[in-house]
Amino acid sequence: FPTGCKFWTRCPLKQEVCTQVEPELVEIAPGHHCRCHFVKPDA
């Protein structure tokens, strides 16, 4: 498996941070959790 995000080798949104840092699973909206650098609760 690649370092960083497990999906970056196939992801259309990948950037350098994806290859180095694995994102956390965070709550974006009530009951909705996501593991992605580009999906933020405040966005």
Full PDB file with SEQRES, HELIX, SHEET, SSBOND, CRYST1, ORIGX, SCALE, CONECT and MASTER records, all heavy atoms in Angstrom:
SEQRES   1 A   43  PHE PRO THR GLY CYS LYS PHE TRP THR ARG CYS PRO LEU          
SEQRES   2 A   43  LYS GLN GLU VAL CYS THR GLN VAL GLU PRO GLU LEU VAL          
SEQRES   3 A   43  GLU ILE ALA PRO GLY HIS HIS CYS ARG CYS HIS PHE VAL          
SEQRES   4 A   43  LYS PRO ASP ALA                                              
HELIX    1 AA1 TRP A    8  ARG A   10  5                                   3    
HELIX    2 AA2 GLU A   16  GLN A   20  1                                   5    
SHEET    1 AA1 2 VAL A  26  ALA A  29  0                                        
SHEET    2 AA1 2 HIS A  32  CYS A  34 -1                                        
CRYST1    1.000    1.000    1.000  90.00  90.00  90.00 P 1           1          
ORIGX1      1.000000  0.000000  0.000000        0.00000                         
ORIGX2      0.000000  1.000000  0.000000        0.00000                         
ORIGX3      0.000000  0.000000  1.000000        0.00000                         
SCALE1      1.000000  0.000000  0.000000        0.00000                         
SCALE2      0.000000  1.000000  0.000000        0.00000                         
SCALE3      0.000000  0.000000  1.000000        0.00000                         
ATOM      1  N   PHE A   1       0.836  -1.191   0.000  1.00  0.00           N  
ATOM      2  CA  PHE A   1       0.000   0.000   0.000  1.00  0.00           C  
ATOM      3  C   PHE A   1       0.878   1.250   0.000  1.00  0.00           C  
ATOM      4  O   PHE A   1       1.954   1.273   0.613  1.00  0.00           O  
ATOM      5  CB  PHE A   1      -0.905   0.034   1.231  1.00  0.00           C  
ATOM      6  CG  PHE A   1      -2.165  -0.766   1.077  1.00  0.00           C  
ATOM      7  CD1 PHE A   1      -2.531  -1.709   2.036  1.00  0.00           C  
ATOM      8  CD2 PHE A   1      -2.995  -0.577  -0.014  1.00  0.00           C  
ATOM      9  CE1 PHE A   1      -3.690  -2.445   1.894  1.00  0.00           C  
ATOM     10  CE2 PHE A   1      -4.158  -1.324  -0.157  1.00  0.00           C  
ATOM     11  CZ  PHE A   1      -4.498  -2.256   0.793  1.00  0.00           C  
ATOM     12  N   PRO A   2       0.434   2.304  -0.665  1.00  0.00           N  
ATOM     13  CA  PRO A   2       1.242   3.527  -0.704  1.00  0.00           C  
ATOM     14  C   PRO A   2       1.254   4.234   0.645  1.00  0.00           C  
ATOM     15  O   PRO A   2       0.380   4.032   1.479  1.00  0.00           O  
ATOM     16  CB  PRO A   2       0.525   4.378  -1.758  1.00  0.00           C  
ATOM     17  CG  PRO A   2      -0.902   3.908  -1.704  1.00  0.00           C  
ATOM     18  CD  PRO A   2      -0.824   2.447  -1.414  1.00  0.00           C  
ATOM     19  N   THR A   3       2.269   5.062   0.859  1.00  0.00           N  
ATOM     20  CA  THR A   3       2.277   5.916   2.041  1.00  0.00           C  
ATOM     21  C   THR A   3       1.244   7.020   1.857  1.00  0.00           C  
ATOM     22  O   THR A   3       0.787   7.293   0.754  1.00  0.00           O  
ATOM     23  CB  THR A   3       3.671   6.543   2.251  1.00  0.00           C  
ATOM     24  OG1 THR A   3       4.019   7.277   1.057  1.00  0.00           O  
ATOM     25  CG2 THR A   3       4.713   5.468   2.502  1.00  0.00           C  
ATOM     26  N   GLY A   4       0.890   7.671   2.957  1.00  0.00           N  
ATOM     27  CA  GLY A   4      -0.116   8.718   2.893  1.00  0.00           C  
ATOM     28  C   GLY A   4      -1.501   8.128   2.720  1.00  0.00           C  
ATOM     29  O   GLY A   4      -1.819   7.065   3.257  1.00  0.00           O  
ATOM     30  N   CYS A   5      -2.348   8.803   1.964  1.00  0.00           N  
ATOM     31  CA  CYS A   5      -3.703   8.332   1.709  1.00  0.00           C  
ATOM     32  C   CYS A   5      -3.653   7.043   0.886  1.00  0.00           C  
ATOM     33  O   CYS A   5      -2.917   6.958  -0.099  1.00  0.00           O  
ATOM     34  CB  CYS A   5      -4.501   9.406   0.964  1.00  0.00           C  
ATOM     35  SG  CYS A   5      -6.160   8.877   0.489  1.00  0.00           S  
ATOM     36  N   LYS A   6      -4.443   6.051   1.275  1.00  0.00           N  
ATOM     37  CA  LYS A   6      -4.433   4.769   0.568  1.00  0.00           C  
ATOM     38  C   LYS A   6      -4.986   4.891  -0.848  1.00  0.00           C  
ATOM     39  O   LYS A   6      -4.715   4.041  -1.702  1.00  0.00           O  
ATOM     40  CB  LYS A   6      -5.279   3.755   1.355  1.00  0.00           C  
ATOM     41  CG  LYS A   6      -4.702   3.383   2.716  1.00  0.00           C  
ATOM     42  CD  LYS A   6      -3.412   2.598   2.588  1.00  0.00           C  
ATOM     43  CE  LYS A   6      -2.926   2.080   3.938  1.00  0.00           C  
ATOM     44  NZ  LYS A   6      -2.475   3.162   4.825  1.00  0.00           N  
ATOM     45  N   PHE A   7      -5.737   5.946  -1.126  1.00  0.00           N  
ATOM     46  CA  PHE A   7      -6.427   6.060  -2.410  1.00  0.00           C  
ATOM     47  C   PHE A   7      -5.712   6.994  -3.385  1.00  0.00           C  
ATOM     48  O   PHE A   7      -6.149   7.106  -4.536  1.00  0.00           O  
ATOM     49  CB  PHE A   7      -7.863   6.549  -2.167  1.00  0.00           C  
ATOM     50  CG  PHE A   7      -8.744   6.550  -3.395  1.00  0.00           C  
ATOM     51  CD1 PHE A   7      -9.028   5.369  -4.072  1.00  0.00           C  
ATOM     52  CD2 PHE A   7      -9.298   7.725  -3.866  1.00  0.00           C  
ATOM     53  CE1 PHE A   7      -9.833   5.370  -5.195  1.00  0.00           C  
ATOM     54  CE2 PHE A   7     -10.111   7.731  -4.988  1.00  0.00           C  
ATOM     55  CZ  PHE A   7     -10.383   6.548  -5.660  1.00  0.00           C  
ATOM     56  N   TRP A   8      -4.607   7.605  -3.004  1.00  0.00           N  
ATOM     57  CA  TRP A   8      -4.067   8.682  -3.841  1.00  0.00           C  
ATOM     58  C   TRP A   8      -3.592   8.201  -5.208  1.00  0.00           C  
ATOM     59  O   TRP A   8      -3.614   8.966  -6.182  1.00  0.00           O  
ATOM     60  CB  TRP A   8      -2.951   9.438  -3.124  1.00  0.00           C  
ATOM     61  CG  TRP A   8      -1.601   8.762  -3.038  1.00  0.00           C  
ATOM     62  CD1 TRP A   8      -1.093   8.085  -1.983  1.00  0.00           C  
ATOM     63  CD2 TRP A   8      -0.582   8.737  -4.046  1.00  0.00           C  
ATOM     64  NE1 TRP A   8       0.177   7.622  -2.255  1.00  0.00           N  
ATOM     65  CE2 TRP A   8       0.505   8.010  -3.518  1.00  0.00           C  
ATOM     66  CE3 TRP A   8      -0.482   9.255  -5.340  1.00  0.00           C  
ATOM     67  CZ2 TRP A   8       1.681   7.779  -4.232  1.00  0.00           C  
ATOM     68  CZ3 TRP A   8       0.694   9.026  -6.059  1.00  0.00           C  
ATOM     69  CH2 TRP A   8       1.758   8.296  -5.512  1.00  0.00           C  
ATOM     70  N   THR A   9      -3.205   6.924  -5.344  1.00  0.00           N  
ATOM     71  CA  THR A   9      -2.732   6.431  -6.642  1.00  0.00           C  
ATOM     72  C   THR A   9      -3.848   6.369  -7.678  1.00  0.00           C  
ATOM     73  O   THR A   9      -3.572   6.247  -8.874  1.00  0.00           O  
ATOM     74  CB  THR A   9      -2.127   5.028  -6.488  1.00  0.00           C  
ATOM     75  OG1 THR A   9      -3.101   4.134  -5.927  1.00  0.00           O  
ATOM     76  CG2 THR A   9      -0.903   5.063  -5.570  1.00  0.00           C  
ATOM     77  N   ARG A  10      -5.103   6.491  -7.250  1.00  0.00           N  
ATOM     78  CA  ARG A  10      -6.236   6.416  -8.171  1.00  0.00           C  
ATOM     79  C   ARG A  10      -7.126   7.658  -8.091  1.00  0.00           C  
ATOM     80  O   ARG A  10      -8.175   7.704  -8.733  1.00  0.00           O  
ATOM     81  CB  ARG A  10      -7.069   5.175  -7.855  1.00  0.00           C  
ATOM     82  CG  ARG A  10      -6.277   3.895  -7.823  1.00  0.00           C  
ATOM     83  CD  ARG A  10      -7.118   2.729  -7.359  1.00  0.00           C  
ATOM     84  NE  ARG A  10      -8.114   2.349  -8.343  1.00  0.00           N  
ATOM     85  CZ  ARG A  10      -9.098   1.499  -8.114  1.00  0.00           C  
ATOM     86  NH1 ARG A  10      -9.243   0.956  -6.913  1.00  0.00           N  
ATOM     87  NH2 ARG A  10      -9.964   1.207  -9.062  1.00  0.00           N  
ATOM     88  N   CYS A  11      -6.739   8.620  -7.297  1.00  0.00           N  
ATOM     89  CA  CYS A  11      -7.624   9.746  -6.989  1.00  0.00           C  
ATOM     90  C   CYS A  11      -7.418  10.919  -7.946  1.00  0.00           C  
ATOM     91  O   CYS A  11      -6.280  11.364  -8.166  1.00  0.00           O  
ATOM     92  CB  CYS A  11      -7.363  10.211  -5.551  1.00  0.00           C  
ATOM     93  SG  CYS A  11      -8.444  11.576  -5.044  1.00  0.00           S  
ATOM     94  N   PRO A  12      -8.493  11.481  -8.508  1.00  0.00           N  
ATOM     95  CA  PRO A  12      -8.365  12.633  -9.408  1.00  0.00           C  
ATOM     96  C   PRO A  12      -8.009  13.924  -8.679  1.00  0.00           C  
ATOM     97  O   PRO A  12      -7.625  14.901  -9.324  1.00  0.00           O  
ATOM     98  CB  PRO A  12      -9.754  12.724 -10.051  1.00  0.00           C  
ATOM     99  CG  PRO A  12     -10.674  12.135  -9.030  1.00  0.00           C  
ATOM    100  CD  PRO A  12      -9.897  11.039  -8.379  1.00  0.00           C  
ATOM    101  N   LEU A  13      -8.129  13.965  -7.353  1.00  0.00           N  
ATOM    102  CA  LEU A  13      -7.860  15.182  -6.589  1.00  0.00           C  
ATOM    103  C   LEU A  13      -6.480  15.185  -5.935  1.00  0.00           C  
ATOM    104  O   LEU A  13      -6.144  16.118  -5.213  1.00  0.00           O  
ATOM    105  CB  LEU A  13      -8.912  15.352  -5.485  1.00  0.00           C  
ATOM    106  CG  LEU A  13     -10.371  15.403  -5.917  1.00  0.00           C  
ATOM    107  CD1 LEU A  13     -11.274  15.520  -4.697  1.00  0.00           C  
ATOM    108  CD2 LEU A  13     -10.627  16.546  -6.881  1.00  0.00           C  
ATOM    109  N   LYS A  14      -5.668  14.186  -6.182  1.00  0.00           N  
ATOM    110  CA  LYS A  14      -4.430  14.010  -5.431  1.00  0.00           C  
ATOM    111  C   LYS A  14      -3.488  15.193  -5.592  1.00  0.00           C  
ATOM    112  O   LYS A  14      -3.364  15.787  -6.662  1.00  0.00           O  
ATOM    113  CB  LYS A  14      -3.710  12.730  -5.844  1.00  0.00           C  
ATOM    114  CG  LYS A  14      -3.212  12.692  -7.281  1.00  0.00           C  
ATOM    115  CD  LYS A  14      -2.482  11.379  -7.546  1.00  0.00           C  
ATOM    116  CE  LYS A  14      -1.961  11.308  -8.974  1.00  0.00           C  
ATOM    117  NZ  LYS A  14      -3.049  11.176  -9.951  1.00  0.00           N  
ATOM    118  N   GLN A  15      -2.850  15.525  -4.460  1.00  0.00           N  
ATOM    119  CA  GLN A  15      -1.781  16.508  -4.419  1.00  0.00           C  
ATOM    120  C   GLN A  15      -0.653  15.946  -3.572  1.00  0.00           C  
ATOM    121  O   GLN A  15      -0.750  14.844  -3.026  1.00  0.00           O  
ATOM    122  CB  GLN A  15      -2.299  17.835  -3.859  1.00  0.00           C  
ATOM    123  CG  GLN A  15      -3.359  18.492  -4.750  1.00  0.00           C  
ATOM    124  CD  GLN A  15      -3.762  19.862  -4.257  1.00  0.00           C  
ATOM    125  OE1 GLN A  15      -3.036  20.503  -3.504  1.00  0.00           O  
ATOM    126  NE2 GLN A  15      -4.929  20.316  -4.691  1.00  0.00           N  
ATOM    127  N   GLU A  16       0.411  16.703  -3.421  1.00  0.00           N  
ATOM    128  CA  GLU A  16       1.593  16.180  -2.746  1.00  0.00           C  
ATOM    129  C   GLU A  16       1.300  15.746  -1.321  1.00  0.00           C  
ATOM    130  O   GLU A  16       1.830  14.744  -0.839  1.00  0.00           O  
ATOM    131  CB  GLU A  16       2.709  17.231  -2.747  1.00  0.00           C  
ATOM    132  CG  GLU A  16       4.020  16.699  -2.185  1.00  0.00           C  
ATOM    133  CD  GLU A  16       5.143  17.715  -2.293  1.00  0.00           C  
ATOM    134  OE1 GLU A  16       4.924  18.788  -2.876  1.00  0.00           O  
ATOM    135  OE2 GLU A  16       6.237  17.418  -1.781  1.00  0.00           O  
ATOM    136  N   VAL A  17       0.434  16.501  -0.621  1.00  0.00           N  
ATOM    137  CA  VAL A  17       0.134  16.152   0.760  1.00  0.00           C  
ATOM    138  C   VAL A  17      -0.476  14.752   0.850  1.00  0.00           C  
ATOM    139  O   VAL A  17      -0.270  14.028   1.837  1.00  0.00           O  
ATOM    140  CB  VAL A  17      -0.801  17.196   1.390  1.00  0.00           C  
ATOM    141  CG1 VAL A  17      -2.172  17.210   0.699  1.00  0.00           C  
ATOM    142  CG2 VAL A  17      -0.977  16.952   2.880  1.00  0.00           C  
ATOM    143  N   CYS A  18      -1.224  14.330  -0.166  1.00  0.00           N  
ATOM    144  CA  CYS A  18      -1.874  13.020  -0.153  1.00  0.00           C  
ATOM    145  C   CYS A  18      -0.850  11.888  -0.154  1.00  0.00           C  
ATOM    146  O   CYS A  18      -1.097  10.825   0.419  1.00  0.00           O  
ATOM    147  CB  CYS A  18      -2.793  12.874  -1.353  1.00  0.00           C  
ATOM    148  SG  CYS A  18      -4.031  14.181  -1.517  1.00  0.00           S  
ATOM    149  N   THR A  19       0.291  12.116  -0.796  1.00  0.00           N  
ATOM    150  CA  THR A  19       1.298  11.062  -0.895  1.00  0.00           C  
ATOM    151  C   THR A  19       2.130  10.923   0.367  1.00  0.00           C  
ATOM    152  O   THR A  19       2.861   9.943   0.508  1.00  0.00           O  
ATOM    153  CB  THR A  19       2.235  11.346  -2.076  1.00  0.00           C  
ATOM    154  OG1 THR A  19       2.996  12.534  -1.802  1.00  0.00           O  
ATOM    155  CG2 THR A  19       1.450  11.558  -3.361  1.00  0.00           C  
ATOM    156  N   GLN A  20       2.007  11.886   1.283  1.00  0.00           N  
ATOM    157  CA  GLN A  20       2.870  11.887   2.463  1.00  0.00           C  
ATOM    158  C   GLN A  20       2.112  11.749   3.774  1.00  0.00           C  
ATOM    159  O   GLN A  20       2.618  11.143   4.725  1.00  0.00           O  
ATOM    160  CB  GLN A  20       3.687  13.188   2.485  1.00  0.00           C  
ATOM    161  CG  GLN A  20       4.595  13.356   1.273  1.00  0.00           C  
ATOM    162  CD  GLN A  20       5.259  14.718   1.252  1.00  0.00           C  
ATOM    163  OE1 GLN A  20       5.047  15.545   2.134  1.00  0.00           O  
ATOM    164  NE2 GLN A  20       6.079  14.965   0.237  1.00  0.00           N  
ATOM    165  N   VAL A  21       0.919  12.305   3.851  1.00  0.00           N  
ATOM    166  CA  VAL A  21       0.176  12.348   5.118  1.00  0.00           C  
ATOM    167  C   VAL A  21      -1.166  11.658   4.932  1.00  0.00           C  
ATOM    168  O   VAL A  21      -1.947  12.022   4.036  1.00  0.00           O  
ATOM    169  CB  VAL A  21      -0.048  13.805   5.583  1.00  0.00           C  
ATOM    170  CG1 VAL A  21      -0.821  13.818   6.897  1.00  0.00           C  
ATOM    171  CG2 VAL A  21       1.276  14.538   5.715  1.00  0.00           C  
ATOM    172  N   GLU A  22      -1.431  10.684   5.776  1.00  0.00           N  
ATOM    173  CA  GLU A  22      -2.734  10.024   5.713  1.00  0.00           C  
ATOM    174  C   GLU A  22      -3.771  10.860   6.456  1.00  0.00           C  
ATOM    175  O   GLU A  22      -3.564  11.210   7.621  1.00  0.00           O  
ATOM    176  CB  GLU A  22      -2.667   8.622   6.326  1.00  0.00           C  
ATOM    177  CG  GLU A  22      -3.977   7.870   6.174  1.00  0.00           C  
ATOM    178  CD  GLU A  22      -3.818   6.391   6.464  1.00  0.00           C  
ATOM    179  OE1 GLU A  22      -3.059   6.049   7.379  1.00  0.00           O  
ATOM    180  OE2 GLU A  22      -4.459   5.593   5.768  1.00  0.00           O  
ATOM    181  N   PRO A  23      -4.891  11.173   5.814  1.00  0.00           N  
ATOM    182  CA  PRO A  23      -5.914  11.986   6.489  1.00  0.00           C  
ATOM    183  C   PRO A  23      -6.629  11.198   7.579  1.00  0.00           C  
ATOM    184  O   PRO A  23      -6.690   9.965   7.539  1.00  0.00           O  
ATOM    185  CB  PRO A  23      -6.876  12.358   5.354  1.00  0.00           C  
ATOM    186  CG  PRO A  23      -6.700  11.278   4.340  1.00  0.00           C  
ATOM    187  CD  PRO A  23      -5.264  10.846   4.422  1.00  0.00           C  
ATOM    188  N   GLU A  24      -7.173  11.922   8.540  1.00  0.00           N  
ATOM    189  CA  GLU A  24      -7.955  11.310   9.611  1.00  0.00           C  
ATOM    190  C   GLU A  24      -9.423  11.195   9.178  1.00  0.00           C  
ATOM    191  O   GLU A  24      -9.890  11.931   8.297  1.00  0.00           O  
ATOM    192  CB  GLU A  24      -7.864  12.154  10.882  1.00  0.00           C  
ATOM    193  CG  GLU A  24      -6.462  12.267  11.468  1.00  0.00           C  
ATOM    194  CD  GLU A  24      -5.966  10.953  12.017  1.00  0.00           C  
ATOM    195  OE1 GLU A  24      -6.801  10.162  12.509  1.00  0.00           O  
ATOM    196  OE2 GLU A  24      -4.748  10.708  11.951  1.00  0.00           O  
ATOM    197  N   LEU A  25     -10.114  10.278   9.810  1.00  0.00           N  
ATOM    198  CA  LEU A  25     -11.565  10.154   9.592  1.00  0.00           C  
ATOM    199  C   LEU A  25     -12.244  11.171  10.508  1.00  0.00           C  
ATOM    200  O   LEU A  25     -12.251  11.015  11.729  1.00  0.00           O  
ATOM    201  CB  LEU A  25     -12.026   8.738   9.922  1.00  0.00           C  
ATOM    202  CG  LEU A  25     -13.499   8.408   9.648  1.00  0.00           C  
ATOM    203  CD1 LEU A  25     -13.794   8.440   8.150  1.00  0.00           C  
ATOM    204  CD2 LEU A  25     -13.854   7.037  10.220  1.00  0.00           C  
ATOM    205  N   VAL A  26     -12.795  12.238   9.930  1.00  0.00           N  
ATOM    206  CA  VAL A  26     -13.361  13.325  10.726  1.00  0.00           C  
ATOM    207  C   VAL A  26     -14.831  13.522  10.377  1.00  0.00           C  
ATOM    208  O   VAL A  26     -15.298  13.165   9.285  1.00  0.00           O  
ATOM    209  CB  VAL A  26     -12.597  14.653  10.487  1.00  0.00           C  
ATOM    210  CG1 VAL A  26     -11.150  14.518  10.933  1.00  0.00           C  
ATOM    211  CG2 VAL A  26     -12.651  15.066   9.024  1.00  0.00           C  
ATOM    212  N   GLU A  27     -15.578  14.077  11.309  1.00  0.00           N  
ATOM    213  CA  GLU A  27     -17.006  14.322  11.120  1.00  0.00           C  
ATOM    214  C   GLU A  27     -17.194  15.631  10.358  1.00  0.00           C  
ATOM    215  O   GLU A  27     -16.869  16.708  10.845  1.00  0.00           O  
ATOM    216  CB  GLU A  27     -17.725  14.366  12.466  1.00  0.00           C  
ATOM    217  CG  GLU A  27     -19.238  14.389  12.331  1.00  0.00           C  
ATOM    218  CD  GLU A  27     -19.945  14.154  13.648  1.00  0.00           C  
ATOM    219  OE1 GLU A  27     -19.351  14.439  14.709  1.00  0.00           O  
ATOM    220  OE2 GLU A  27     -21.091  13.677  13.637  1.00  0.00           O  
ATOM    221  N   ILE A  28     -17.723  15.528   9.163  1.00  0.00           N  
ATOM    222  CA  ILE A  28     -17.925  16.693   8.302  1.00  0.00           C  
ATOM    223  C   ILE A  28     -19.273  17.350   8.595  1.00  0.00           C  
ATOM    224  O   ILE A  28     -19.397  18.575   8.623  1.00  0.00           O  
ATOM    225  CB  ILE A  28     -17.867  16.279   6.818  1.00  0.00           C  
ATOM    226  CG1 ILE A  28     -16.566  15.517   6.525  1.00  0.00           C  
ATOM    227  CG2 ILE A  28     -18.001  17.494   5.909  1.00  0.00           C  
ATOM    228  CD1 ILE A  28     -15.308  16.277   6.855  1.00  0.00           C  
ATOM    229  N   ALA A  29     -20.259  16.534   8.817  1.00  0.00           N  
ATOM    230  CA  ALA A  29     -21.612  16.971   9.180  1.00  0.00           C  
ATOM    231  C   ALA A  29     -22.128  15.963  10.193  1.00  0.00           C  
ATOM    232  O   ALA A  29     -21.537  14.895  10.349  1.00  0.00           O  
ATOM    233  CB  ALA A  29     -22.497  17.031   7.936  1.00  0.00           C  
ATOM    234  N   PRO A  30     -23.201  16.286  10.907  1.00  0.00           N  
ATOM    235  CA  PRO A  30     -23.701  15.348  11.918  1.00  0.00           C  
ATOM    236  C   PRO A  30     -23.910  13.943  11.352  1.00  0.00           C  
ATOM    237  O   PRO A  30     -24.698  13.743  10.415  1.00  0.00           O  
ATOM    238  CB  PRO A  30     -25.028  15.978  12.359  1.00  0.00           C  
ATOM    239  CG  PRO A  30     -24.818  17.437  12.150  1.00  0.00           C  
ATOM    240  CD  PRO A  30     -23.982  17.543  10.905  1.00  0.00           C  
ATOM    241  N   GLY A  31     -23.172  12.981  11.888  1.00  0.00           N  
ATOM    242  CA  GLY A  31     -23.298  11.600  11.463  1.00  0.00           C  
ATOM    243  C   GLY A  31     -22.600  11.255  10.168  1.00  0.00           C  
ATOM    244  O   GLY A  31     -22.656  10.111   9.720  1.00  0.00           O  
ATOM    245  N   HIS A  32     -21.931  12.225   9.538  1.00  0.00           N  
ATOM    246  CA  HIS A  32     -21.273  11.991   8.251  1.00  0.00           C  
ATOM    247  C   HIS A  32     -19.766  12.204   8.422  1.00  0.00           C  
ATOM    248  O   HIS A  32     -19.301  13.327   8.594  1.00  0.00           O  
ATOM    249  CB  HIS A  32     -21.837  12.945   7.191  1.00  0.00           C  
ATOM    250  CG  HIS A  32     -21.548  12.506   5.788  1.00  0.00           C  
ATOM    251  ND1 HIS A  32     -22.393  12.804   4.732  1.00  0.00           N  
ATOM    252  CD2 HIS A  32     -20.535  11.783   5.248  1.00  0.00           C  
ATOM    253  CE1 HIS A  32     -21.901  12.289   3.616  1.00  0.00           C  
ATOM    254  NE2 HIS A  32     -20.759  11.677   3.913  1.00  0.00           N  
ATOM    255  N   HIS A  33     -19.000  11.100   8.364  1.00  0.00           N  
ATOM    256  CA  HIS A  33     -17.549  11.134   8.547  1.00  0.00           C  
ATOM    257  C   HIS A  33     -16.853  10.832   7.231  1.00  0.00           C  
ATOM    258  O   HIS A  33     -17.328  10.027   6.436  1.00  0.00           O  
ATOM    259  CB  HIS A  33     -17.109  10.107   9.598  1.00  0.00           C  
ATOM    260  CG  HIS A  33     -17.649  10.369  10.975  1.00  0.00           C  
ATOM    261  ND1 HIS A  33     -18.976  10.145  11.307  1.00  0.00           N  
ATOM    262  CD2 HIS A  33     -17.035  10.815  12.103  1.00  0.00           C  
ATOM    263  CE1 HIS A  33     -19.161  10.443  12.589  1.00  0.00           C  
ATOM    264  NE2 HIS A  33     -18.003  10.850  13.086  1.00  0.00           N  
ATOM    265  N   CYS A  34     -15.695  11.467   7.024  1.00  0.00           N  
ATOM    266  CA  CYS A  34     -14.958  11.278   5.781  1.00  0.00           C  
ATOM    267  C   CYS A  34     -13.459  11.380   6.055  1.00  0.00           C  
ATOM    268  O   CYS A  34     -13.021  12.150   6.918  1.00  0.00           O  
ATOM    269  CB  CYS A  34     -15.395  12.313   4.739  1.00  0.00           C  
ATOM    270  SG  CYS A  34     -14.591  12.139   3.130  1.00  0.00           S  
ATOM    271  N   ARG A  35     -12.675  10.602   5.281  1.00  0.00           N  
ATOM    272  CA  ARG A  35     -11.215  10.603   5.401  1.00  0.00           C  
ATOM    273  C   ARG A  35     -10.629  11.188   4.110  1.00  0.00           C  
ATOM    274  O   ARG A  35     -10.336  10.463   3.150  1.00  0.00           O  
ATOM    275  CB  ARG A  35     -10.702   9.178   5.619  1.00  0.00           C  
ATOM    276  CG  ARG A  35      -9.215   9.069   5.942  1.00  0.00           C  
ATOM    277  CD  ARG A  35      -8.759   7.618   5.924  1.00  0.00           C  
ATOM    278  NE  ARG A  35      -9.449   6.801   6.899  1.00  0.00           N  
ATOM    279  CZ  ARG A  35      -9.083   6.675   8.178  1.00  0.00           C  
ATOM    280  NH1 ARG A  35      -8.006   7.315   8.615  1.00  0.00           N  
ATOM    281  NH2 ARG A  35      -9.768   5.905   9.006  1.00  0.00           N  
ATOM    282  N   CYS A  36     -10.495  12.514   4.065  1.00  0.00           N  
ATOM    283  CA  CYS A  36      -9.956  13.175   2.868  1.00  0.00           C  
ATOM    284  C   CYS A  36      -9.415  14.543   3.245  1.00  0.00           C  
ATOM    285  O   CYS A  36     -10.060  15.281   4.005  1.00  0.00           O  
ATOM    286  CB  CYS A  36     -11.042  13.302   1.799  1.00  0.00           C  
ATOM    287  SG  CYS A  36     -10.483  14.092   0.263  1.00  0.00           S  
ATOM    288  N   HIS A  37      -8.246  14.900   2.697  1.00  0.00           N  
ATOM    289  CA  HIS A  37      -7.656  16.216   2.991  1.00  0.00           C  
ATOM    290  C   HIS A  37      -8.492  17.360   2.444  1.00  0.00           C  
ATOM    291  O   HIS A  37      -8.396  18.494   2.939  1.00  0.00           O  
ATOM    292  CB  HIS A  37      -6.245  16.303   2.382  1.00  0.00           C  
ATOM    293  CG  HIS A  37      -5.234  15.452   3.067  1.00  0.00           C  
ATOM    294  ND1 HIS A  37      -4.887  15.623   4.394  1.00  0.00           N  
ATOM    295  CD2 HIS A  37      -4.493  14.404   2.610  1.00  0.00           C  
ATOM    296  CE1 HIS A  37      -3.959  14.722   4.727  1.00  0.00           C  
ATOM    297  NE2 HIS A  37      -3.707  13.978   3.662  1.00  0.00           N  
ATOM    298  N   PHE A  38      -9.309  17.108   1.428  1.00  0.00           N  
ATOM    299  CA  PHE A  38      -9.998  18.188   0.741  1.00  0.00           C  
ATOM    300  C   PHE A  38     -11.478  18.274   1.087  1.00  0.00           C  
ATOM    301  O   PHE A  38     -12.248  18.962   0.426  1.00  0.00           O  
ATOM    302  CB  PHE A  38      -9.819  18.030  -0.774  1.00  0.00           C  
ATOM    303  CG  PHE A  38      -8.375  17.955  -1.168  1.00  0.00           C  
ATOM    304  CD1 PHE A  38      -7.834  16.774  -1.628  1.00  0.00           C  
ATOM    305  CD2 PHE A  38      -7.542  19.046  -1.015  1.00  0.00           C  
ATOM    306  CE1 PHE A  38      -6.496  16.686  -1.961  1.00  0.00           C  
ATOM    307  CE2 PHE A  38      -6.201  18.970  -1.336  1.00  0.00           C  
ATOM    308  CZ  PHE A  38      -5.678  17.788  -1.814  1.00  0.00           C  
ATOM    309  N   VAL A  39     -11.891  17.570   2.122  1.00  0.00           N  
ATOM    310  CA  VAL A  39     -13.253  17.678   2.627  1.00  0.00           C  
ATOM    311  C   VAL A  39     -13.148  18.128   4.073  1.00  0.00           C  
ATOM    312  O   VAL A  39     -12.710  17.385   4.939  1.00  0.00           O  
ATOM    313  CB  VAL A  39     -14.000  16.330   2.541  1.00  0.00           C  
ATOM    314  CG1 VAL A  39     -15.425  16.487   3.047  1.00  0.00           C  
ATOM    315  CG2 VAL A  39     -14.008  15.819   1.113  1.00  0.00           C  
ATOM    316  N   LYS A  40     -13.514  19.389   4.319  1.00  0.00           N  
ATOM    317  CA  LYS A  40     -13.334  19.988   5.640  1.00  0.00           C  
ATOM    318  C   LYS A  40     -14.684  20.317   6.280  1.00  0.00           C  
ATOM    319  O   LYS A  40     -15.620  20.719   5.587  1.00  0.00           O  
ATOM    320  CB  LYS A  40     -12.521  21.287   5.539  1.00  0.00           C  
ATOM    321  CG  LYS A  40     -11.172  21.120   4.838  1.00  0.00           C  
ATOM    322  CD  LYS A  40     -10.217  20.293   5.661  1.00  0.00           C  
ATOM    323  CE  LYS A  40      -8.841  20.244   5.006  1.00  0.00           C  
ATOM    324  NZ  LYS A  40      -7.897  19.397   5.761  1.00  0.00           N  
ATOM    325  N   PRO A  41     -14.779  20.198   7.609  1.00  0.00           N  
ATOM    326  CA  PRO A  41     -16.043  20.546   8.280  1.00  0.00           C  
ATOM    327  C   PRO A  41     -16.456  21.989   8.048  1.00  0.00           C  
ATOM    328  O   PRO A  41     -17.636  22.290   7.898  1.00  0.00           O  
ATOM    329  CB  PRO A  41     -15.740  20.287   9.757  1.00  0.00           C  
ATOM    330  CG  PRO A  41     -14.616  19.309   9.746  1.00  0.00           C  
ATOM    331  CD  PRO A  41     -13.801  19.628   8.534  1.00  0.00           C  
ATOM    332  N   ASP A  42     -15.489  22.904   7.986  1.00  0.00           N  
ATOM    333  CA  ASP A  42     -15.833  24.325   7.832  1.00  0.00           C  
ATOM    334  C   ASP A  42     -16.073  24.713   6.385  1.00  0.00           C  
ATOM    335  O   ASP A  42     -16.401  25.852   6.084  1.00  0.00           O  
ATOM    336  CB  ASP A  42     -14.725  25.201   8.425  1.00  0.00           C  
ATOM    337  CG  ASP A  42     -13.363  24.923   7.795  1.00  0.00           C  
ATOM    338  OD1 ASP A  42     -13.268  24.014   6.945  1.00  0.00           O  
ATOM    339  OD2 ASP A  42     -12.396  25.614   8.158  1.00  0.00           O  
ATOM    340  N   ALA A  43     -15.925  23.743   5.458  1.00  0.00           N  
ATOM    341  CA  ALA A  43     -16.108  24.053   4.047  1.00  0.00           C  
ATOM    342  C   ALA A  43     -17.417  23.498   3.491  1.00  0.00           C  
ATOM    343  O   ALA A  43     -17.683  23.593   2.312  1.00  0.00           O  
ATOM    344  CB  ALA A  43     -14.940  23.500   3.228  1.00  0.00           C  
TER     345      ALA A  43                                                      
MASTER        0    0    0    2    2    0    0    6  344    1    0    4          
END                                                                             
